[in-house]
Amino acid sequence: MSATMTGTRGWLRARTRETDEETAGGRRGFLPTAGLVLLALVWLIPFVFVVTTAIRGQGELLSSGPFSIPQELRLDNFLRAWEIGNFGTYYRNSLIVTGLKVPLGILVASLAAYPLAKLRFPLRDNVFLFLLIGLAIPIHVTLLPIFTMLRELGINNTLAALFPPYLAFGLPLHIFILRGYFRSIPDDLREAALIDGASEWQIFWRITMPLAIPALATVFIIDALATWNELLIALVLLSSESVRTVPLGLLNFQGQFSSQMTSLNAGILIGIAPVLLVYMLFQRYMVSGLTAGAIKG
């Protein structure tokens, strides 16, 4: 009987220790979670301001403020902003640039990242480090040389002028992400394919690329958002109304409607709607695509 009671007491003490540890762990986990929730709310405040301002009338905004419950939904703000702001032209130009540049950038980055990750050749690591230097070059110091070169080529003030700088500044980060993910794919798959007679090109297209969908989706999101939102290079290279992209159109729209907050914020929502849609569709791949490269050197 005493042995049974001793065993019971030991089990209760062990169980109590486990409960205390779980409680302490829950408390420790609560603070980071609460901090992240608070940070997310802070980041959401500007977006809430834009939405609640865009769906109400100007008079109601001045009398009730942007964070009150709208008494009447004014969706005509969006129609007015679209028509007066010439967003049809800006959308067309941004869709052309983003739709062509993003797939091309991902293809070029993949073709560069694969040999840097899977093939062995002299100065491989040096080539990779050289490409990473592009991450440290500020865009501002290159604007004048870019403008001069594209003017000499005769493509200044056209949508074609945006592709060379957009590709050049996007490749270093994309190669960095894709190389890390490609290195996490087991080499045994490539070796088995080589034994079966597959070429490097076939291994790249039929094995590596399908397995790298999370990383490709991550790069797609980053590149699509960066291309759609880019302002500085487009501001320097484009001057005609017919070739302006959405950020340039919003800049011009802001100058015209600086006092009409409802129309201005409706235009902002029109401008950011595509990037929000892209993020919602592909965001589940973001974490796995960015962190998988940490598994292997």
Protein backbone atom coordinates (compact mmCIF):
# COMPACT_ATOMS: atom_id res chain seq x y z
CA MET A 1 0.00 0.00 0.00
CA SER A 2 2.80 2.43 0.93
CA ALA A 3 4.54 1.69 -2.37
CA THR A 4 1.32 2.46 -4.23
CA MET A 5 0.84 5.76 -2.37
CA THR A 6 4.47 6.70 -3.02
CA GLY A 7 4.04 6.04 -6.72
CA THR A 8 0.82 8.06 -6.76
CA ARG A 9 2.51 11.03 -5.05
CA GLY A 10 5.37 10.85 -7.57
CA TRP A 11 2.95 10.83 -10.47
CA LEU A 12 1.05 13.81 -9.01
CA ARG A 13 4.27 15.77 -8.52
CA ALA A 14 5.36 15.03 -12.09
CA ARG A 15 1.96 15.98 -13.42
CA THR A 16 2.01 19.21 -11.41
CA ARG A 17 5.43 20.09 -12.81
CA GLU A 18 4.19 19.47 -16.37
CA THR A 19 1.13 21.66 -15.74
CA ASP A 20 3.29 24.45 -14.32
CA GLU A 21 5.62 24.25 -17.29
CA GLU A 22 2.70 24.38 -19.72
CA THR A 23 1.23 27.37 -17.87
CA ALA A 24 4.58 29.18 -17.89
CA GLY A 25 5.02 28.39 -21.57
CA GLY A 26 1.55 29.72 -22.30
CA ARG A 27 2.34 32.93 -20.45
CA ARG A 28 5.61 33.34 -22.30
CA GLY A 29 3.84 32.78 -25.62
CA PHE A 30 1.06 35.23 -24.80
CA LEU A 31 3.27 38.31 -24.72
CA PRO A 32 4.80 37.86 -28.23
CA THR A 33 1.35 37.07 -29.64
CA ALA A 34 -0.19 40.14 -28.02
CA GLY A 35 2.67 42.28 -29.30
CA LEU A 36 2.22 41.00 -32.85
CA VAL A 37 -1.53 41.58 -32.70
CA LEU A 38 -0.97 45.13 -31.46
CA LEU A 39 1.58 45.76 -34.22
CA ALA A 40 -0.83 44.41 -36.84
CA LEU A 41 -3.56 46.75 -35.57
CA VAL A 42 -1.18 49.72 -35.80
CA TRP A 43 -0.34 48.80 -39.41
CA LEU A 44 -4.05 48.41 -40.24
CA ILE A 45 -5.04 51.88 -39.03
CA PRO A 46 -4.00 53.69 -42.26
CA PHE A 47 -5.79 51.09 -44.39
CA VAL A 48 -8.96 51.42 -42.30
CA PHE A 49 -8.71 55.20 -42.68
CA VAL A 50 -8.49 54.90 -46.47
CA VAL A 51 -11.46 52.50 -46.70
CA THR A 52 -13.78 54.38 -44.35
CA THR A 53 -12.94 57.69 -46.04
CA ALA A 54 -13.50 56.37 -49.57
CA ILE A 55 -17.04 55.07 -48.91
CA ARG A 56 -18.58 58.20 -47.39
CA GLY A 57 -19.46 61.68 -48.57
CA GLN A 58 -17.19 64.69 -48.14
CA GLY A 59 -19.69 66.46 -45.87
CA GLU A 60 -20.09 63.43 -43.62
CA LEU A 61 -16.31 63.06 -43.43
CA LEU A 62 -15.90 66.62 -42.19
CA SER A 63 -18.75 66.36 -39.67
CA SER A 64 -18.31 62.81 -38.30
CA GLY A 65 -14.66 61.95 -38.95
CA PRO A 66 -13.17 58.98 -40.87
CA PHE A 67 -13.50 56.34 -38.12
CA SER A 68 -17.22 56.71 -37.46
CA ILE A 69 -19.77 54.30 -38.94
CA PRO A 70 -20.80 55.59 -42.41
CA GLN A 71 -24.40 56.71 -42.56
CA GLU A 72 -24.53 56.12 -46.34
CA LEU A 73 -22.26 54.13 -48.63
CA ARG A 74 -21.03 56.39 -51.44
CA LEU A 75 -19.68 53.96 -54.04
CA ASP A 76 -19.97 56.68 -56.65
CA ASN A 77 -16.65 57.98 -55.28
CA PHE A 78 -14.93 55.10 -57.04
CA LEU A 79 -16.67 55.74 -60.37
CA ARG A 80 -15.81 59.43 -60.17
CA ALA A 81 -12.17 58.71 -59.33
CA TRP A 82 -11.88 56.16 -62.14
CA GLU A 83 -13.30 58.48 -64.79
CA ILE A 84 -11.65 61.74 -63.77
CA GLY A 85 -8.35 60.15 -62.79
CA ASN A 86 -7.91 58.34 -66.15
CA PHE A 87 -7.21 55.08 -64.30
CA GLY A 88 -8.15 53.04 -67.34
CA THR A 89 -4.95 54.18 -69.11
CA TYR A 90 -2.82 53.79 -66.00
CA TYR A 91 -4.15 50.29 -65.33
CA ARG A 92 -3.45 49.23 -68.90
CA ASN A 93 0.15 50.42 -68.72
CA SER A 94 0.81 48.89 -65.30
CA LEU A 95 -0.73 45.58 -66.34
CA ILE A 96 1.46 45.48 -69.46
CA VAL A 97 4.63 46.22 -67.51
CA THR A 98 3.84 43.89 -64.60
CA GLY A 99 2.45 41.10 -66.79
CA LEU A 100 5.58 41.00 -68.96
CA LYS A 101 8.31 41.91 -66.49
CA VAL A 102 7.39 39.59 -63.59
CA PRO A 103 7.38 36.28 -65.55
CA LEU A 104 10.50 37.33 -67.45
CA GLY A 105 12.28 38.27 -64.22
CA ILE A 106 11.34 34.98 -62.56
CA LEU A 107 12.56 33.01 -65.59
CA VAL A 108 15.91 34.81 -65.73
CA ALA A 109 16.39 34.55 -61.95
CA SER A 110 15.57 30.81 -62.02
CA LEU A 111 18.03 30.17 -64.86
CA ALA A 112 20.73 31.99 -62.88
CA ALA A 113 19.89 30.48 -59.48
CA TYR A 114 19.85 26.84 -60.62
CA PRO A 115 23.53 26.55 -61.65
CA LEU A 116 24.57 28.60 -58.62
CA ALA A 117 22.77 26.10 -56.40
CA LYS A 118 23.28 22.72 -58.10
CA LEU A 119 26.24 22.87 -60.46
CA ARG A 120 29.92 23.06 -59.59
CA PHE A 121 32.13 25.40 -61.61
CA PRO A 122 35.07 27.72 -60.86
CA LEU A 123 34.29 30.93 -58.93
CA ARG A 124 30.68 29.88 -58.37
CA ASP A 125 30.48 31.50 -54.93
CA ASN A 126 32.25 34.61 -56.21
CA VAL A 127 29.69 35.00 -58.97
CA PHE A 128 26.91 34.71 -56.40
CA LEU A 129 28.50 37.33 -54.15
CA PHE A 130 28.96 39.63 -57.14
CA LEU A 131 25.25 39.36 -57.92
CA LEU A 132 24.36 40.12 -54.30
CA ILE A 133 26.24 43.41 -54.53
CA GLY A 134 23.22 44.63 -56.48
CA LEU A 135 21.23 44.62 -53.23
CA ALA A 136 23.55 47.28 -51.80
CA ILE A 137 23.36 49.71 -54.74
CA PRO A 138 20.87 52.56 -54.12
CA ILE A 139 18.49 53.26 -56.97
CA HIS A 140 19.01 57.01 -56.60
CA VAL A 141 22.67 56.96 -57.71
CA THR A 142 21.77 55.14 -60.94
CA LEU A 143 18.91 57.33 -62.16
CA LEU A 144 21.02 59.71 -64.23
CA PRO A 145 23.07 56.96 -65.97
CA ILE A 146 19.88 54.98 -66.64
CA PHE A 147 18.14 58.03 -68.10
CA THR A 148 21.13 58.82 -70.31
CA MET A 149 21.55 55.26 -71.62
CA LEU A 150 17.88 54.79 -72.40
CA ARG A 151 17.73 58.16 -74.13
CA GLU A 152 20.66 57.13 -76.32
CA LEU A 153 18.81 53.92 -77.15
CA GLY A 154 15.79 55.94 -78.20
CA ILE A 155 13.31 54.22 -75.89
CA ASN A 156 13.01 56.95 -73.26
CA ASN A 157 9.43 57.94 -72.38
CA THR A 158 8.09 54.53 -73.46
CA LEU A 159 6.99 51.50 -71.44
CA ALA A 160 9.96 49.60 -72.88
CA ALA A 161 12.30 51.90 -70.94
CA LEU A 162 11.08 50.42 -67.64
CA PHE A 163 12.10 46.83 -68.35
CA PRO A 164 15.94 47.07 -68.19
CA PRO A 165 16.14 48.85 -64.80
CA TYR A 166 13.27 46.83 -63.32
CA LEU A 167 14.95 43.56 -64.30
CA ALA A 168 18.39 44.66 -63.14
CA PHE A 169 17.27 45.79 -59.69
CA GLY A 170 14.97 42.82 -59.12
CA LEU A 171 17.34 39.98 -60.03
CA PRO A 172 19.70 40.04 -56.97
CA LEU A 173 16.96 39.42 -54.41
CA HIS A 174 15.15 36.89 -56.61
CA ILE A 175 18.33 34.91 -57.24
CA PHE A 176 19.09 34.95 -53.51
CA ILE A 177 15.66 33.50 -52.62
CA LEU A 178 15.57 30.92 -55.42
CA ARG A 179 19.14 29.75 -54.89
CA GLY A 180 18.42 29.09 -51.23
CA TYR A 181 15.31 27.08 -52.09
CA PHE A 182 17.01 25.13 -54.88
CA ARG A 183 19.77 24.14 -52.43
CA SER A 184 17.15 22.71 -50.08
CA ILE A 185 15.98 20.25 -52.78
CA PRO A 186 17.83 16.92 -52.23
CA ASP A 187 20.71 16.30 -54.62
CA ASP A 188 19.64 12.64 -54.79
CA LEU A 189 16.78 13.61 -57.10
CA ARG A 190 19.14 15.26 -59.56
CA GLU A 191 21.63 12.38 -59.41
CA ALA A 192 18.89 9.82 -60.01
CA ALA A 193 17.61 11.79 -62.99
CA LEU A 194 21.14 12.02 -64.43
CA ILE A 195 21.52 8.24 -64.10
CA ASP A 196 18.22 7.81 -65.98
CA GLY A 197 19.62 9.91 -68.83
CA ALA A 198 17.95 13.25 -68.14
CA SER A 199 19.74 16.44 -69.17
CA GLU A 200 20.27 19.42 -66.89
CA TRP A 201 17.61 21.29 -68.82
CA GLN A 202 15.08 18.50 -68.23
CA ILE A 203 16.00 18.32 -64.55
CA PHE A 204 15.52 22.06 -64.26
CA TRP A 205 12.09 22.13 -65.95
CA ARG A 206 10.58 18.81 -64.87
CA ILE A 207 11.95 18.34 -61.34
CA THR A 208 13.37 21.52 -59.85
CA MET A 209 10.79 24.05 -61.00
CA PRO A 210 7.70 22.04 -59.94
CA LEU A 211 9.25 21.43 -56.51
CA ALA A 212 10.10 25.14 -56.15
CA ILE A 213 6.52 26.41 -56.51
CA PRO A 214 6.48 27.94 -52.97
CA ALA A 215 9.66 29.91 -53.70
CA LEU A 216 8.42 30.91 -57.16
CA ALA A 217 5.15 32.12 -55.64
CA THR A 218 7.11 34.13 -53.06
CA VAL A 219 9.21 35.77 -55.75
CA PHE A 220 6.06 36.39 -57.80
CA ILE A 221 4.41 38.26 -54.92
CA ILE A 222 7.49 40.33 -54.11
CA ASP A 223 8.15 41.18 -57.75
CA ALA A 224 4.53 41.93 -58.64
CA LEU A 225 4.11 44.26 -55.67
CA ALA A 226 7.43 46.01 -56.31
CA THR A 227 6.76 46.44 -60.04
CA TRP A 228 3.20 47.67 -59.60
CA ASN A 229 4.14 50.15 -56.84
CA GLU A 230 7.43 51.44 -58.30
CA LEU A 231 7.42 55.22 -58.62
CA LEU A 232 10.91 56.72 -58.69
CA ILE A 233 12.26 55.15 -61.89
CA ALA A 234 8.94 55.64 -63.70
CA LEU A 235 8.86 59.28 -62.59
CA VAL A 236 12.27 59.90 -64.15
CA LEU A 237 11.77 57.93 -67.37
CA LEU A 238 8.10 58.61 -68.21
CA SER A 239 6.58 62.01 -68.86
CA SER A 240 3.71 61.49 -71.31
CA GLU A 241 0.20 60.97 -69.96
CA SER A 242 -0.36 57.99 -72.26
CA VAL A 243 2.50 55.91 -70.77
CA ARG A 244 2.07 56.69 -67.07
CA THR A 245 1.67 53.79 -64.66
CA VAL A 246 -0.68 53.64 -61.66
CA PRO A 247 1.75 55.21 -59.10
CA LEU A 248 2.39 58.14 -61.44
CA GLY A 249 -1.35 58.47 -62.05
CA LEU A 250 -2.00 58.51 -58.28
CA LEU A 251 0.65 61.20 -57.85
CA ASN A 252 -1.06 63.35 -60.46
CA PHE A 253 -4.49 62.52 -59.03
CA GLN A 254 -3.36 63.60 -55.56
CA GLY A 255 -2.36 66.99 -56.92
CA GLN A 256 -5.79 67.49 -58.45
CA PHE A 257 -7.87 66.26 -55.50
CA SER A 258 -5.75 67.14 -52.47
CA SER A 259 -8.79 68.72 -50.79
CA GLN A 260 -11.28 66.00 -51.83
CA MET A 261 -10.30 63.27 -49.40
CA THR A 262 -13.13 60.92 -50.38
CA SER A 263 -12.24 60.87 -54.07
CA LEU A 264 -8.52 60.77 -53.30
CA ASN A 265 -8.82 57.71 -51.04
CA ALA A 266 -11.14 56.02 -53.53
CA GLY A 267 -8.39 56.46 -56.12
CA ILE A 268 -5.84 55.00 -53.70
CA LEU A 269 -8.01 51.90 -53.19
CA ILE A 270 -8.38 51.55 -56.96
CA GLY A 271 -4.59 51.68 -57.29
CA ILE A 272 -3.79 49.10 -54.59
CA ALA A 273 -6.62 46.65 -55.33
CA PRO A 274 -4.59 44.41 -57.72
CA VAL A 275 -1.65 44.00 -55.34
CA LEU A 276 -4.00 43.13 -52.48
CA LEU A 277 -5.62 40.48 -54.68
CA VAL A 278 -2.22 39.02 -55.66
CA TYR A 279 -1.13 38.85 -52.03
CA MET A 280 -4.35 37.16 -50.87
CA LEU A 281 -4.06 34.53 -53.61
CA PHE A 282 -0.40 33.64 -53.01
CA GLN A 283 0.34 34.61 -49.39
CA ARG A 284 0.13 31.00 -48.13
CA TYR A 285 3.34 30.25 -50.03
CA MET A 286 5.24 33.21 -48.57
CA VAL A 287 6.58 31.70 -45.33
CA SER A 288 7.65 28.36 -46.81
CA GLY A 289 9.24 30.07 -49.79
CA LEU A 290 11.30 32.47 -47.70
CA THR A 291 12.41 30.06 -44.95
CA ALA A 292 13.09 26.83 -46.85
CA GLY A 293 16.49 28.05 -47.98
CA ALA A 294 17.65 28.18 -44.37
CA ILE A 295 17.59 24.38 -44.14
CA LYS A 296 20.69 23.96 -46.22
CA GLY A 297 23.65 26.36 -46.39
